Amino acid sequence: MENVRDPREHVNEEPRDDFFDVAMGFGGFFGIMFVIFAVAVIIKYAIS
């Protein structure tokens, strides 16, 4: 590998599915926010 800056010389060591990664990120974040929301609603009704 003489030219280390040439992107054609580099092998993709770990092929990734970017759409799946983004979907899992959104799904995970939505799940965490939903749990926080549900706990907040339960606490609000417990106080009132």
N, C-alpha and C. Protein backbone atom coordinates (compact mmCIF):
# COMPACT_ATOMS: atom_id res chain seq x y z
N MET A 1 0.85 -1.18 0.00
CA MET A 1 0.00 0.00 0.00
C MET A 1 0.89 1.24 0.00
N GLU A 2 1.17 1.73 -1.17
CA GLU A 2 2.10 2.85 -1.28
C GLU A 2 1.42 4.17 -0.93
N ASN A 3 0.22 4.38 -1.44
CA ASN A 3 -0.48 5.64 -1.20
C ASN A 3 -1.56 5.41 -0.15
N VAL A 4 -1.26 5.79 1.10
CA VAL A 4 -2.19 5.53 2.19
C VAL A 4 -3.39 6.46 2.15
N ARG A 5 -3.34 7.54 1.39
CA ARG A 5 -4.46 8.49 1.32
C ARG A 5 -5.48 8.12 0.24
N ASP A 6 -5.17 7.14 -0.58
CA ASP A 6 -6.09 6.74 -1.65
C ASP A 6 -7.19 5.86 -1.07
N PRO A 7 -8.46 6.31 -1.09
CA PRO A 7 -9.53 5.52 -0.46
C PRO A 7 -9.79 4.20 -1.19
N ARG A 8 -9.37 4.07 -2.44
CA ARG A 8 -9.57 2.81 -3.16
C ARG A 8 -8.67 1.71 -2.63
N GLU A 9 -7.62 2.07 -1.90
CA GLU A 9 -6.69 1.09 -1.36
C GLU A 9 -7.20 0.47 -0.05
N HIS A 10 -8.16 1.11 0.58
CA HIS A 10 -8.62 0.66 1.90
C HIS A 10 -9.78 -0.31 1.74
N VAL A 11 -9.72 -1.39 2.49
CA VAL A 11 -10.77 -2.39 2.47
C VAL A 11 -11.77 -2.05 3.57
N ASN A 12 -13.04 -2.21 3.26
CA ASN A 12 -14.07 -1.99 4.28
C ASN A 12 -14.03 -3.18 5.24
N GLU A 13 -13.39 -2.98 6.40
CA GLU A 13 -13.18 -4.09 7.33
C GLU A 13 -14.50 -4.58 7.91
N GLU A 14 -15.41 -3.66 8.20
CA GLU A 14 -16.65 -4.03 8.86
C GLU A 14 -17.81 -3.38 8.11
N PRO A 15 -18.41 -4.09 7.18
CA PRO A 15 -19.54 -3.49 6.45
C PRO A 15 -20.72 -3.26 7.39
N ARG A 16 -21.29 -2.09 7.33
CA ARG A 16 -22.37 -1.71 8.23
C ARG A 16 -23.64 -1.45 7.42
N ASP A 17 -24.77 -1.67 8.06
CA ASP A 17 -26.06 -1.31 7.49
C ASP A 17 -26.47 0.00 8.14
N ASP A 18 -26.21 1.11 7.47
CA ASP A 18 -26.43 2.42 8.07
C ASP A 18 -27.90 2.66 8.39
N PHE A 19 -28.80 2.24 7.50
CA PHE A 19 -30.23 2.46 7.75
C PHE A 19 -30.67 1.72 9.01
N PHE A 20 -30.21 0.49 9.16
CA PHE A 20 -30.57 -0.30 10.36
C PHE A 20 -30.00 0.36 11.61
N ASP A 21 -28.77 0.87 11.54
CA ASP A 21 -28.17 1.54 12.71
C ASP A 21 -28.96 2.78 13.10
N VAL A 22 -29.37 3.57 12.10
CA VAL A 22 -30.14 4.79 12.39
C VAL A 22 -31.51 4.41 12.94
N ALA A 23 -32.15 3.40 12.35
CA ALA A 23 -33.47 2.98 12.83
C ALA A 23 -33.38 2.47 14.27
N MET A 24 -32.35 1.70 14.58
CA MET A 24 -32.18 1.21 15.95
C MET A 24 -31.92 2.37 16.91
N GLY A 25 -31.17 3.36 16.47
CA GLY A 25 -30.91 4.53 17.31
C GLY A 25 -32.18 5.30 17.62
N PHE A 26 -32.99 5.54 16.57
CA PHE A 26 -34.26 6.24 16.79
C PHE A 26 -35.18 5.40 17.67
N GLY A 27 -35.24 4.11 17.42
CA GLY A 27 -36.12 3.25 18.22
C GLY A 27 -35.69 3.20 19.67
N GLY A 28 -34.41 3.09 19.91
CA GLY A 28 -33.91 3.07 21.28
C GLY A 28 -34.15 4.37 22.01
N PHE A 29 -33.91 5.49 21.31
CA PHE A 29 -34.13 6.79 21.94
C PHE A 29 -35.62 7.01 22.22
N PHE A 30 -36.47 6.59 21.27
CA PHE A 30 -37.91 6.71 21.48
C PHE A 30 -38.33 5.87 22.69
N GLY A 31 -37.78 4.67 22.82
CA GLY A 31 -38.12 3.81 23.95
C GLY A 31 -37.73 4.43 25.28
N ILE A 32 -36.54 5.00 25.33
CA ILE A 32 -36.08 5.65 26.57
C ILE A 32 -36.97 6.84 26.91
N MET A 33 -37.29 7.66 25.90
CA MET A 33 -38.14 8.83 26.15
C MET A 33 -39.56 8.40 26.56
N PHE A 34 -40.05 7.30 25.98
CA PHE A 34 -41.38 6.82 26.35
C PHE A 34 -41.41 6.35 27.79
N VAL A 35 -40.36 5.67 28.23
CA VAL A 35 -40.29 5.22 29.63
C VAL A 35 -40.25 6.43 30.57
N ILE A 36 -39.44 7.43 30.22
CA ILE A 36 -39.38 8.64 31.05
C ILE A 36 -40.74 9.32 31.11
N PHE A 37 -41.42 9.40 29.96
CA PHE A 37 -42.76 10.01 29.91
C PHE A 37 -43.75 9.23 30.78
N ALA A 38 -43.72 7.91 30.66
CA ALA A 38 -44.66 7.09 31.43
C ALA A 38 -44.41 7.24 32.92
N VAL A 39 -43.16 7.26 33.34
CA VAL A 39 -42.84 7.44 34.76
C VAL A 39 -43.30 8.81 35.23
N ALA A 40 -43.12 9.84 34.41
CA ALA A 40 -43.54 11.18 34.80
C ALA A 40 -45.06 11.24 34.95
N VAL A 41 -45.80 10.59 34.06
CA VAL A 41 -47.26 10.58 34.16
C VAL A 41 -47.71 9.84 35.42
N ILE A 42 -47.08 8.73 35.71
CA ILE A 42 -47.43 7.97 36.91
C ILE A 42 -47.15 8.80 38.17
N ILE A 43 -46.02 9.48 38.21
CA ILE A 43 -45.68 10.32 39.36
C ILE A 43 -46.68 11.47 39.50
N LYS A 44 -47.06 12.08 38.36
CA LYS A 44 -48.03 13.19 38.41
C LYS A 44 -49.35 12.74 38.98
N TYR A 45 -49.84 11.58 38.54
CA TYR A 45 -51.11 11.09 39.06
C TYR A 45 -50.99 10.62 40.51
N ALA A 46 -49.81 10.15 40.90
CA ALA A 46 -49.64 9.73 42.30
C ALA A 46 -49.62 10.94 43.22
N ILE A 47 -49.09 12.05 42.74
CA ILE A 47 -49.05 13.25 43.58
C ILE A 47 -50.43 13.89 43.71
N SER A 48 -51.17 13.91 42.62
CA SER A 48 -52.49 14.60 42.66
C SER A 48 -53.61 13.72 43.18
